[in-house]
């Protein structure tokens, strides 16, 4: 096989000259010295360490393919971003619709609360009037119950006095001699 310089070996393998020199110094890549004392590498040794050589046409086509792949990836990324933007715009629109709906509901609730407040103030006045009327009615009922209680107590006291009087009369009669009792009955 052919022998090549380190620079040509770097070009054939697609590696840098420094990478080739490091591999030679570490013993991974064997080399020989030519008549002028320069290091030369057998091409079969290059293929053993770095694999088959790439031709310039293959390298150019590979570069073109990589560029096309990168362009396709970029286009896919642009489309993905466009879809994300559309999704976010839709989400923003829905949020705006919800916000408008919530504002409308809030306004309706405020109107309703104001109406209830006005009604409540009127109802509160009416309720206070009813409370006053109830207090007056309860006071009249208490006075009537008090009067009934006093009347009942007065009657009970009269009945008790009458009983006491009757008992006293009976006791007095019992203490009187029999002739005095007969005379008293006759007079009565």
N, C-alpha and C. Protein backbone atom coordinates (compact mmCIF):
# COMPACT_ATOMS: atom_id res chain seq x y z
N UNK A 1 0.84 -1.18 0.00
CA UNK A 1 0.00 0.00 0.00
C UNK A 1 0.88 1.23 0.00
N UNK A 2 0.22 2.37 -0.21
CA UNK A 2 0.94 3.64 -0.35
C UNK A 2 1.23 4.22 1.01
N UNK A 3 2.27 5.01 1.03
CA UNK A 3 2.65 5.68 2.26
C UNK A 3 2.37 7.18 2.07
N UNK A 4 1.80 7.79 3.15
CA UNK A 4 1.42 9.20 3.06
C UNK A 4 1.96 9.97 4.26
N UNK A 5 2.07 11.30 4.07
CA UNK A 5 2.55 12.17 5.16
C UNK A 5 1.43 12.36 6.19
N UNK A 6 1.79 12.95 7.33
CA UNK A 6 0.79 13.17 8.38
C UNK A 6 -0.31 14.12 7.91
N UNK A 7 0.06 15.10 7.10
CA UNK A 7 -0.94 16.05 6.60
C UNK A 7 -1.91 15.34 5.65
N UNK A 8 -1.38 14.51 4.74
CA UNK A 8 -2.23 13.77 3.82
C UNK A 8 -3.08 12.74 4.58
N UNK A 9 -2.52 12.12 5.65
CA UNK A 9 -3.25 11.15 6.47
C UNK A 9 -4.43 11.84 7.15
N UNK A 10 -4.19 13.06 7.64
CA UNK A 10 -5.27 13.81 8.27
C UNK A 10 -6.36 14.10 7.25
N UNK A 11 -5.98 14.46 6.03
CA UNK A 11 -6.96 14.77 4.98
C UNK A 11 -7.75 13.52 4.59
N UNK A 12 -7.06 12.39 4.44
CA UNK A 12 -7.73 11.15 4.03
C UNK A 12 -8.69 10.62 5.12
N UNK A 13 -8.26 10.72 6.37
CA UNK A 13 -9.07 10.16 7.46
C UNK A 13 -10.17 11.13 7.93
N UNK A 14 -10.04 12.39 7.59
CA UNK A 14 -11.01 13.38 8.04
C UNK A 14 -10.73 13.84 9.46
N UNK A 15 -9.55 13.55 9.98
CA UNK A 15 -9.14 13.96 11.32
C UNK A 15 -8.18 15.13 11.21
N UNK A 16 -7.92 15.75 12.32
CA UNK A 16 -6.96 16.87 12.31
C UNK A 16 -5.54 16.31 12.36
N UNK A 17 -4.57 17.15 11.98
CA UNK A 17 -3.17 16.75 12.00
C UNK A 17 -2.75 16.46 13.45
N UNK A 18 -3.25 17.26 14.40
CA UNK A 18 -2.90 17.06 15.81
C UNK A 18 -3.40 15.70 16.30
N UNK A 19 -4.62 15.28 15.86
CA UNK A 19 -5.16 13.98 16.25
C UNK A 19 -4.28 12.86 15.72
N UNK A 20 -3.84 12.98 14.46
CA UNK A 20 -2.96 11.97 13.85
C UNK A 20 -1.64 11.90 14.62
N UNK A 21 -1.05 13.05 14.95
CA UNK A 21 0.22 13.08 15.68
C UNK A 21 0.06 12.47 17.08
N UNK A 22 -1.03 12.76 17.76
CA UNK A 22 -1.24 12.16 19.09
C UNK A 22 -1.35 10.64 18.99
N UNK A 23 -2.07 10.16 17.98
CA UNK A 23 -2.21 8.71 17.79
C UNK A 23 -0.86 8.07 17.48
N UNK A 24 0.00 8.77 16.71
CA UNK A 24 1.33 8.25 16.38
C UNK A 24 2.20 8.23 17.64
N UNK A 25 2.19 9.27 18.44
CA UNK A 25 3.01 9.36 19.65
C UNK A 25 2.57 8.35 20.71
N UNK A 26 1.24 8.06 20.77
CA UNK A 26 0.74 7.11 21.77
C UNK A 26 0.96 5.67 21.34
N UNK A 27 1.32 5.45 20.05
CA UNK A 27 1.56 4.10 19.56
C UNK A 27 0.31 3.46 18.99
N UNK A 28 -0.74 4.14 18.96
CA UNK A 28 -1.99 3.59 18.41
C UNK A 28 -1.92 3.51 16.90
N UNK A 29 -1.21 4.42 16.30
CA UNK A 29 -1.06 4.46 14.84
C UNK A 29 0.44 4.29 14.54
N UNK A 30 0.77 3.19 13.83
CA UNK A 30 2.19 2.95 13.52
C UNK A 30 2.61 3.78 12.32
N UNK A 31 3.90 4.12 12.27
CA UNK A 31 4.45 4.95 11.19
C UNK A 31 5.88 4.52 10.91
N UNK A 32 6.46 5.05 9.82
CA UNK A 32 7.85 4.81 9.44
C UNK A 32 8.48 6.15 9.12
N UNK A 33 9.78 6.19 9.09
CA UNK A 33 10.51 7.39 8.69
C UNK A 33 10.97 7.18 7.25
N UNK A 34 10.78 8.18 6.40
CA UNK A 34 11.23 8.06 5.01
C UNK A 34 12.68 8.50 4.91
N UNK A 35 13.27 8.59 3.67
CA UNK A 35 14.67 8.93 3.47
C UNK A 35 15.03 10.30 4.02
N UNK A 36 14.06 11.20 4.01
CA UNK A 36 14.35 12.55 4.50
C UNK A 36 14.14 12.67 6.01
N UNK A 37 13.65 11.60 6.68
CA UNK A 37 13.44 11.60 8.12
C UNK A 37 12.04 12.04 8.55
N UNK A 38 11.19 12.19 7.57
CA UNK A 38 9.81 12.58 7.89
C UNK A 38 8.99 11.33 8.20
N UNK A 39 8.00 11.50 9.07
CA UNK A 39 7.12 10.39 9.43
C UNK A 39 6.13 10.17 8.30
N UNK A 40 5.95 8.89 7.92
CA UNK A 40 4.97 8.53 6.90
C UNK A 40 4.12 7.38 7.45
N UNK A 41 2.89 7.33 6.99
CA UNK A 41 1.95 6.34 7.50
C UNK A 41 1.42 5.55 6.33
N UNK A 42 1.34 4.23 6.53
CA UNK A 42 0.78 3.37 5.50
C UNK A 42 -0.73 3.58 5.49
N UNK A 43 -1.33 3.66 4.30
CA UNK A 43 -2.77 3.91 4.18
C UNK A 43 -3.59 2.78 4.80
N UNK A 44 -3.09 1.54 4.73
CA UNK A 44 -3.82 0.42 5.34
C UNK A 44 -3.87 0.59 6.87
N UNK A 45 -2.78 1.18 7.43
CA UNK A 45 -2.76 1.44 8.88
C UNK A 45 -3.79 2.51 9.24
N UNK A 46 -3.92 3.51 8.39
CA UNK A 46 -4.93 4.55 8.60
C UNK A 46 -6.33 3.95 8.58
N UNK A 47 -6.60 3.05 7.62
CA UNK A 47 -7.91 2.41 7.53
C UNK A 47 -8.17 1.52 8.75
N UNK A 48 -7.12 0.85 9.28
CA UNK A 48 -7.26 0.01 10.46
C UNK A 48 -7.69 0.84 11.66
N UNK A 49 -7.08 1.99 11.87
CA UNK A 49 -7.36 2.81 13.05
C UNK A 49 -8.62 3.64 12.88
N UNK A 50 -8.83 4.27 11.73
CA UNK A 50 -9.93 5.24 11.56
C UNK A 50 -11.04 4.76 10.63
N UNK A 51 -10.92 3.56 10.08
CA UNK A 51 -11.96 3.07 9.20
C UNK A 51 -11.70 3.48 7.76
N UNK A 52 -12.59 3.05 6.84
CA UNK A 52 -12.35 3.35 5.41
C UNK A 52 -12.37 4.85 5.15
N UNK A 53 -11.60 5.23 4.13
CA UNK A 53 -11.48 6.65 3.78
C UNK A 53 -12.76 7.13 3.13
N UNK A 54 -12.96 8.38 3.25
CA UNK A 54 -14.11 9.00 2.58
C UNK A 54 -13.58 9.79 1.41
N UNK A 55 -14.29 9.65 0.34
CA UNK A 55 -13.86 10.42 -0.83
C UNK A 55 -14.38 11.84 -0.69
N UNK A 56 -13.81 12.74 -1.46
CA UNK A 56 -14.25 14.13 -1.39
C UNK A 56 -15.69 14.25 -1.86
N UNK A 57 -16.09 13.47 -2.85
CA UNK A 57 -17.46 13.51 -3.34
C UNK A 57 -18.42 13.03 -2.25
N UNK A 58 -18.01 11.99 -1.53
CA UNK A 58 -18.84 11.48 -0.44
C UNK A 58 -18.93 12.51 0.67
N UNK A 59 -17.79 13.17 0.95
CA UNK A 59 -17.79 14.20 1.99
C UNK A 59 -18.69 15.37 1.59
N UNK A 60 -18.62 15.75 0.30
CA UNK A 60 -19.47 16.85 -0.16
C UNK A 60 -20.94 16.47 -0.12
N UNK A 61 -21.26 15.23 -0.56
CA UNK A 61 -22.65 14.80 -0.53
C UNK A 61 -23.15 14.67 0.92
N UNK A 62 -22.22 14.21 1.78
CA UNK A 62 -22.59 14.13 3.20
C UNK A 62 -22.85 15.52 3.77
N UNK A 63 -22.06 16.49 3.37
CA UNK A 63 -22.25 17.86 3.81
C UNK A 63 -23.58 18.40 3.30
N UNK A 64 -23.90 18.08 2.04
CA UNK A 64 -25.17 18.54 1.46
C UNK A 64 -26.34 17.88 2.19
N UNK A 65 -26.21 16.58 2.47
CA UNK A 65 -27.27 15.85 3.17
C UNK A 65 -27.46 16.43 4.57
N UNK A 66 -26.32 16.70 5.25
CA UNK A 66 -26.42 17.29 6.59
C UNK A 66 -27.09 18.66 6.52
N UNK A 67 -26.75 19.44 5.52
CA UNK A 67 -27.37 20.76 5.38
C UNK A 67 -28.87 20.63 5.13
N UNK A 68 -29.26 19.66 4.27
CA UNK A 68 -30.67 19.44 4.01
C UNK A 68 -31.41 18.96 5.26
N UNK A 69 -30.76 18.06 5.99
CA UNK A 69 -31.36 17.58 7.23
C UNK A 69 -31.52 18.73 8.23
N UNK A 70 -30.50 19.56 8.32
CA UNK A 70 -30.58 20.71 9.23
C UNK A 70 -31.69 21.65 8.80
N UNK A 71 -31.80 21.87 7.49
CA UNK A 71 -32.86 22.75 6.98
C UNK A 71 -34.24 22.15 7.27
N UNK A 72 -34.38 20.81 7.10
CA UNK A 72 -35.65 20.15 7.39
C UNK A 72 -35.97 20.25 8.88
N UNK A 73 -34.95 20.07 9.72
CA UNK A 73 -35.17 20.20 11.17
C UNK A 73 -35.59 21.63 11.51
N UNK A 74 -34.94 22.59 10.85
CA UNK A 74 -35.30 23.99 11.10
C UNK A 74 -36.74 24.27 10.67
N UNK A 75 -37.13 23.72 9.50
CA UNK A 75 -38.51 23.91 9.04
C UNK A 75 -39.50 23.25 10.01
N UNK A 76 -39.15 22.04 10.49
CA UNK A 76 -40.02 21.38 11.47
C UNK A 76 -40.13 22.19 12.75
N UNK A 77 -39.01 22.76 13.17
CA UNK A 77 -39.02 23.58 14.38
C UNK A 77 -39.88 24.83 14.16
N UNK A 78 -39.77 25.44 12.99
CA UNK A 78 -40.58 26.63 12.67
C UNK A 78 -42.06 26.26 12.69
N UNK A 79 -42.42 25.11 12.10
CA UNK A 79 -43.82 24.68 12.09
C UNK A 79 -44.31 24.38 13.51
N UNK A 80 -43.43 23.74 14.30
CA UNK A 80 -43.80 23.45 15.68
C UNK A 80 -44.04 24.76 16.45
N UNK A 81 -43.19 25.73 16.23
CA UNK A 81 -43.36 27.02 16.90
C UNK A 81 -44.63 27.71 16.42
N UNK A 82 -44.91 27.64 15.11
CA UNK A 82 -46.15 28.24 14.58
C UNK A 82 -47.37 27.59 15.22
N UNK A 83 -47.34 26.25 15.34
CA UNK A 83 -48.47 25.55 15.96
C UNK A 83 -48.61 25.96 17.42
N UNK A 84 -47.50 26.09 18.10
CA UNK A 84 -47.53 26.51 19.51
C UNK A 84 -48.10 27.92 19.63
N UNK A 85 -47.69 28.79 18.71
CA UNK A 85 -48.20 30.18 18.71
C UNK A 85 -49.71 30.17 18.46
N UNK A 86 -50.17 29.36 17.49
CA UNK A 86 -51.61 29.28 17.22
C UNK A 86 -52.36 28.77 18.45
N UNK A 87 -51.79 27.74 19.08
CA UNK A 87 -52.42 27.21 20.29
C UNK A 87 -52.50 28.26 21.39
N UNK A 88 -51.43 29.01 21.56
CA UNK A 88 -51.42 30.07 22.58
C UNK A 88 -52.39 31.19 22.23
N UNK A 89 -52.48 31.52 20.92
CA UNK A 89 -53.44 32.54 20.50
C UNK A 89 -54.87 32.08 20.77
N UNK A 90 -55.15 30.81 20.48
CA UNK A 90 -56.49 30.26 20.77
C UNK A 90 -56.77 30.30 22.26
N UNK A 91 -55.76 29.93 23.04
CA UNK A 91 -55.92 29.95 24.50
C UNK A 91 -56.15 31.38 24.99
N UNK A 92 -55.42 32.33 24.42
CA UNK A 92 -55.60 33.73 24.79
C UNK A 92 -57.00 34.21 24.44
N UNK A 93 -57.49 33.79 23.26
CA UNK A 93 -58.84 34.18 22.84
C UNK A 93 -59.88 33.62 23.81
N UNK A 94 -59.73 32.32 24.17
CA UNK A 94 -60.68 31.71 25.10
C UNK A 94 -60.62 32.40 26.46
N UNK A 95 -59.43 32.74 26.89
CA UNK A 95 -59.28 33.43 28.17
C UNK A 95 -59.97 34.80 28.11
N UNK A 96 -59.82 35.49 26.98
CA UNK A 96 -60.46 36.80 26.81
C UNK A 96 -61.99 36.66 26.83
N UNK A 97 -62.50 35.62 26.16
CA UNK A 97 -63.95 35.38 26.16
C UNK A 97 -64.43 35.09 27.59
N UNK A 98 -63.68 34.26 28.31
CA UNK A 98 -64.05 33.96 29.69
C UNK A 98 -64.01 35.20 30.56
N UNK A 99 -63.00 36.03 30.35
CA UNK A 99 -62.87 37.26 31.12
C UNK A 99 -64.05 38.19 30.85
N UNK A 100 -64.42 38.32 29.57
CA UNK A 100 -65.58 39.16 29.24
C UNK A 100 -66.85 38.61 29.87
N UNK A 101 -67.01 37.29 29.82
CA UNK A 101 -68.18 36.65 30.43
C UNK A 101 -68.20 36.89 31.93
N UNK A 102 -67.06 36.76 32.58
CA UNK A 102 -66.99 36.98 34.02
C UNK A 102 -67.29 38.44 34.37
N UNK A 103 -66.82 39.36 33.55
CA UNK A 103 -67.13 40.78 33.79
C UNK A 103 -68.63 41.03 33.68
N UNK A 104 -69.24 40.42 32.67
CA UNK A 104 -70.69 40.59 32.48
C UNK A 104 -71.45 40.01 33.68
N UNK A 105 -71.03 38.83 34.12
CA UNK A 105 -71.68 38.22 35.29
C UNK A 105 -71.48 39.08 36.54
N UNK A 106 -70.26 39.62 36.69
CA UNK A 106 -69.98 40.49 37.84
C UNK A 106 -70.91 41.71 37.83
N UNK A 107 -71.09 42.32 36.65
CA UNK A 107 -71.98 43.49 36.55
C UNK A 107 -73.42 43.11 36.91
N UNK A 108 -73.86 41.94 36.44
CA UNK A 108 -75.21 41.49 36.77
C UNK A 108 -75.35 41.26 38.27
N UNK A 109 -74.35 40.65 38.88
CA UNK A 109 -74.39 40.40 40.32
C UNK A 109 -74.41 41.72 41.09
N UNK A 110 -73.65 42.71 40.62
CA UNK A 110 -73.65 44.00 41.29
C UNK A 110 -75.03 44.65 41.23
N UNK A 111 -75.66 44.59 40.06
CA UNK A 111 -77.01 45.15 39.93
C UNK A 111 -77.97 44.44 40.87
N UNK A 112 -77.88 43.12 40.88
CA UNK A 112 -78.78 42.33 41.73
C UNK A 112 -78.53 42.66 43.21
N UNK A 113 -77.26 42.79 43.58
CA UNK A 113 -76.93 43.11 44.98
C UNK A 113 -77.48 44.48 45.36
N UNK A 114 -77.41 45.44 44.45
CA UNK A 114 -77.94 46.77 44.73
C UNK A 114 -79.46 46.71 44.90
N UNK A 115 -80.12 45.95 44.05
CA UNK A 115 -81.57 45.80 44.17
C UNK A 115 -81.94 45.15 45.51
N UNK A 116 -81.17 44.12 45.86
CA UNK A 116 -81.44 43.43 47.13
C UNK A 116 -81.20 44.37 48.29
N UNK A 117 -80.14 45.18 48.19
CA UNK A 117 -79.84 46.12 49.26
C UNK A 117 -80.97 47.12 49.44
N UNK A 118 -81.48 47.65 48.33
CA UNK A 118 -82.61 48.59 48.42
C UNK A 118 -83.82 47.90 49.02
N UNK A 119 -84.11 46.69 48.51
CA UNK A 119 -85.24 45.92 49.02
C UNK A 119 -85.01 45.59 50.49
N UNK A 120 -83.79 45.25 50.83
CA UNK A 120 -83.46 44.88 52.20
C UNK A 120 -83.65 46.08 53.14
N UNK A 121 -83.26 47.27 52.67
CA UNK A 121 -83.45 48.45 53.50
C UNK A 121 -84.92 48.71 53.74
N UNK A 122 -85.75 48.54 52.69
CA UNK A 122 -87.19 48.72 52.85
C UNK A 122 -87.74 47.62 53.77
N UNK A 123 -87.28 46.40 53.56
CA UNK A 123 -87.74 45.28 54.39
C UNK A 123 -87.31 45.48 55.83
N UNK A 124 -86.13 46.03 56.02
CA UNK A 124 -85.64 46.27 57.37
C UNK A 124 -86.53 47.28 58.08
N UNK A 125 -86.95 48.34 57.39
CA UNK A 125 -87.85 49.34 57.98
C UNK A 125 -89.16 48.67 58.34
N UNK A 126 -89.69 47.86 57.41
CA UNK A 126 -90.94 47.15 57.64
C UNK A 126 -90.78 46.18 58.82
N UNK A 127 -89.62 45.50 58.87
CA UNK A 127 -89.38 44.55 59.96
C UNK A 127 -89.31 45.28 61.30
N UNK A 128 -88.70 46.44 61.31
CA UNK A 128 -88.63 47.21 62.56
C UNK A 128 -90.03 47.64 63.01
N UNK A 129 -90.87 48.04 62.05
CA UNK A 129 -92.26 48.39 62.38
C UNK A 129 -92.99 47.18 62.96
N UNK A 130 -92.81 46.02 62.34
CA UNK A 130 -93.45 44.80 62.83
C UNK A 130 -92.94 44.42 64.22
N UNK A 131 -91.64 44.60 64.44
CA UNK A 131 -91.09 44.31 65.77
C UNK A 131 -91.71 45.21 66.82
N UNK A 132 -91.85 46.49 66.48
CA UNK A 132 -92.46 47.44 67.42
C UNK A 132 -93.90 47.04 67.71
N UNK A 133 -94.63 46.64 66.65
CA UNK A 133 -96.02 46.21 66.83
C UNK A 133 -96.08 44.96 67.71
N UNK A 134 -95.16 44.02 67.50
CA UNK A 134 -95.12 42.82 68.32
C UNK A 134 -94.81 43.16 69.78
N UNK A 135 -93.88 44.06 69.99
CA UNK A 135 -93.56 44.47 71.37
C UNK A 135 -94.79 45.07 72.06
N UNK A 136 -95.51 45.92 71.33
CA UNK A 136 -96.71 46.54 71.90
C UNK A 136 -97.76 45.49 72.21
N UNK A 137 -97.95 44.54 71.30
CA UNK A 137 -98.94 43.47 71.51
C UNK A 137 -98.55 42.63 72.72
N UNK A 138 -97.24 42.29 72.81
CA UNK A 138 -96.78 41.50 73.95
C UNK A 138 -96.99 42.27 75.26
N UNK A 139 -96.75 43.58 75.23
CA UNK A 139 -96.95 44.40 76.44
C UNK A 139 -98.42 44.39 76.85
N UNK A 140 -99.34 44.52 75.86
CA UNK A 140 -100.78 44.47 76.16
C UNK A 140 -101.17 43.10 76.73
N UNK A 141 -100.62 42.04 76.12
CA UNK A 141 -100.93 40.69 76.61
C UNK A 141 -100.39 40.48 78.02
N UNK A 142 -99.18 40.98 78.29
CA UNK A 142 -98.63 40.88 79.64
C UNK A 142 -99.51 41.63 80.64
N UNK A 143 -99.95 42.84 80.24
CA UNK A 143 -100.81 43.63 81.14
C UNK A 143 -102.12 42.88 81.38
N UNK A 144 -102.70 42.28 80.32
CA UNK A 144 -103.96 41.54 80.47
C UNK A 144 -103.75 40.32 81.37
N UNK A 145 -102.63 39.61 81.18
CA UNK A 145 -102.36 38.45 82.04
C UNK A 145 -102.15 38.88 83.48
N UNK A 146 -101.47 40.00 83.64
CA UNK A 146 -101.22 40.52 84.99
C UNK A 146 -102.56 40.86 85.65
N UNK A 147 -103.45 41.52 84.88
CA UNK A 147 -104.76 41.91 85.41
C UNK A 147 -105.56 40.67 85.78
N UNK A 148 -105.54 39.63 84.89
CA UNK A 148 -106.26 38.39 85.18
C UNK A 148 -105.71 37.73 86.44
N UNK A 149 -104.38 37.74 86.57
CA UNK A 149 -103.75 37.14 87.73
C UNK A 149 -104.16 37.88 89.00
N UNK A 150 -104.15 39.20 88.93
CA UNK A 150 -104.55 39.98 90.09
C UNK A 150 -106.01 39.71 90.45
N UNK A 151 -106.89 39.63 89.42
CA UNK A 151 -108.32 39.34 89.65
C UNK A 151 -108.48 37.97 90.29
N UNK A 152 -107.74 36.99 89.79
CA UNK A 152 -107.83 35.64 90.34
C UNK A 152 -107.34 35.63 91.80
N UNK A 153 -106.24 36.33 92.04
CA UNK A 153 -105.72 36.39 93.41
C UNK A 153 -106.72 37.11 94.34
N UNK A 154 -107.37 38.18 93.84
CA UNK A 154 -108.36 38.91 94.64
C UNK A 154 -109.53 38.00 94.97
N UNK A 155 -110.02 37.22 93.96
CA UNK A 155 -111.12 36.30 94.21
C UNK A 155 -110.73 35.21 95.19
N UNK A 156 -109.49 34.72 95.01
CA UNK A 156 -109.04 33.68 95.94
C UNK A 156 -108.96 34.26 97.36
N UNK A 157 -108.48 35.50 97.44
CA UNK A 157 -108.39 36.15 98.76
C UNK A 157 -109.79 36.33 99.34
N UNK A 158 -110.78 36.75 98.51
CA UNK A 158 -112.15 36.91 98.98
C UNK A 158 -112.72 35.58 99.44
N UNK A 159 -112.48 34.55 98.64
CA UNK A 159 -112.96 33.22 99.01
C UNK A 159 -112.31 32.76 100.31
N UNK A 160 -111.05 33.03 100.40
CA UNK A 160 -110.34 32.64 101.62
C UNK A 160 -110.88 33.42 102.81
N UNK A 161 -111.13 34.72 102.62
CA UNK A 161 -111.71 35.53 103.70
C UNK A 161 -113.10 35.01 104.08
N UNK A 162 -113.89 34.67 103.07
CA UNK A 162 -115.23 34.15 103.33
C UNK A 162 -115.13 32.84 104.10
N UNK A 163 -114.23 31.98 103.75
CA UNK A 163 -114.06 30.71 104.44
C UNK A 163 -113.60 30.96 105.88
N UNK A 164 -112.65 31.87 105.98
CA UNK A 164 -112.16 32.19 107.33
C UNK A 164 -113.31 32.72 108.21
N UNK A 165 -114.12 33.58 107.58
CA UNK A 165 -115.26 34.14 108.32
C UNK A 165 -116.23 33.04 108.72
N UNK A 166 -116.47 32.13 107.80
CA UNK A 166 -117.38 31.03 108.06
C UNK A 166 -116.83 30.15 109.18
N UNK A 167 -115.56 29.92 109.13
CA UNK A 167 -114.93 29.10 110.17
C UNK A 167 -115.04 29.82 111.52
N UNK A 168 -114.78 31.12 111.48
CA UNK A 168 -114.89 31.88 112.73
C UNK A 168 -116.32 31.86 113.27
N UNK A 169 -117.27 31.99 112.36
CA UNK A 169 -118.68 31.97 112.78
C UNK A 169 -118.98 30.62 113.38
N UNK A 170 -118.53 29.55 112.76
CA UNK A 170 -118.81 28.20 113.26
C UNK A 170 -118.15 28.01 114.61
N UNK A 171 -116.92 28.52 114.72
CA UNK A 171 -116.23 28.39 116.01
C UNK A 171 -116.97 29.19 117.08
N UNK A 172 -117.38 30.37 116.69
CA UNK A 172 -118.10 31.22 117.62
C UNK A 172 -119.41 30.54 118.03
N UNK A 173 -120.07 29.94 117.06
CA UNK A 173 -121.33 29.26 117.33
C UNK A 173 -121.10 28.06 118.24
N UNK A 174 -120.01 27.41 118.00
CA UNK A 174 -119.74 26.23 118.79
C UNK A 174 -119.47 26.63 120.23
N UNK A 175 -118.92 27.78 120.43
CA UNK A 175 -118.60 28.23 121.77
C UNK A 175 -119.84 28.79 122.49
N UNK A 176 -120.83 29.17 121.77
CA UNK A 176 -122.04 29.74 122.38
C UNK A 176 -122.87 28.63 123.02
N UNK A 177 -123.55 28.97 124.10
CA UNK A 177 -124.45 27.98 124.69
C UNK A 177 -125.59 27.68 123.71
N UNK A 178 -126.16 26.56 123.83
CA UNK A 178 -127.19 26.04 122.94
C UNK A 178 -128.40 26.98 122.87
N UNK A 179 -128.86 27.58 124.06
CA UNK A 179 -130.04 28.47 124.03
C UNK A 179 -129.76 29.73 123.24
N UNK A 180 -128.54 30.20 123.28
CA UNK A 180 -128.20 31.42 122.54
C UNK A 180 -128.21 31.12 121.05
N UNK A 181 -127.85 29.96 120.71
CA UNK A 181 -127.80 29.57 119.29
C UNK A 181 -129.23 29.45 118.75
N UNK A 182 -130.10 28.87 119.53
CA UNK A 182 -131.47 28.71 119.09
C UNK A 182 -132.10 30.08 118.88
N UNK A 183 -131.87 30.99 119.85
CA UNK A 183 -132.41 32.34 119.72
C UNK A 183 -131.85 33.04 118.47
N UNK A 184 -130.60 32.85 118.21
CA UNK A 184 -129.99 33.51 117.05
C UNK A 184 -130.56 32.96 115.76
N UNK A 185 -130.89 31.68 115.74
CA UNK A 185 -131.46 31.09 114.53
C UNK A 185 -132.90 31.59 114.34
N UNK A 186 -133.54 31.76 115.40
CA UNK A 186 -134.91 32.25 115.31
C UNK A 186 -134.88 33.69 114.78
N UNK A 187 -134.02 34.46 115.22
CA UNK A 187 -133.94 35.85 114.78
C UNK A 187 -133.53 35.94 113.31
N UNK A 188 -132.77 35.05 112.90
CA UNK A 188 -132.29 35.11 111.52
C UNK A 188 -133.27 34.70 110.56
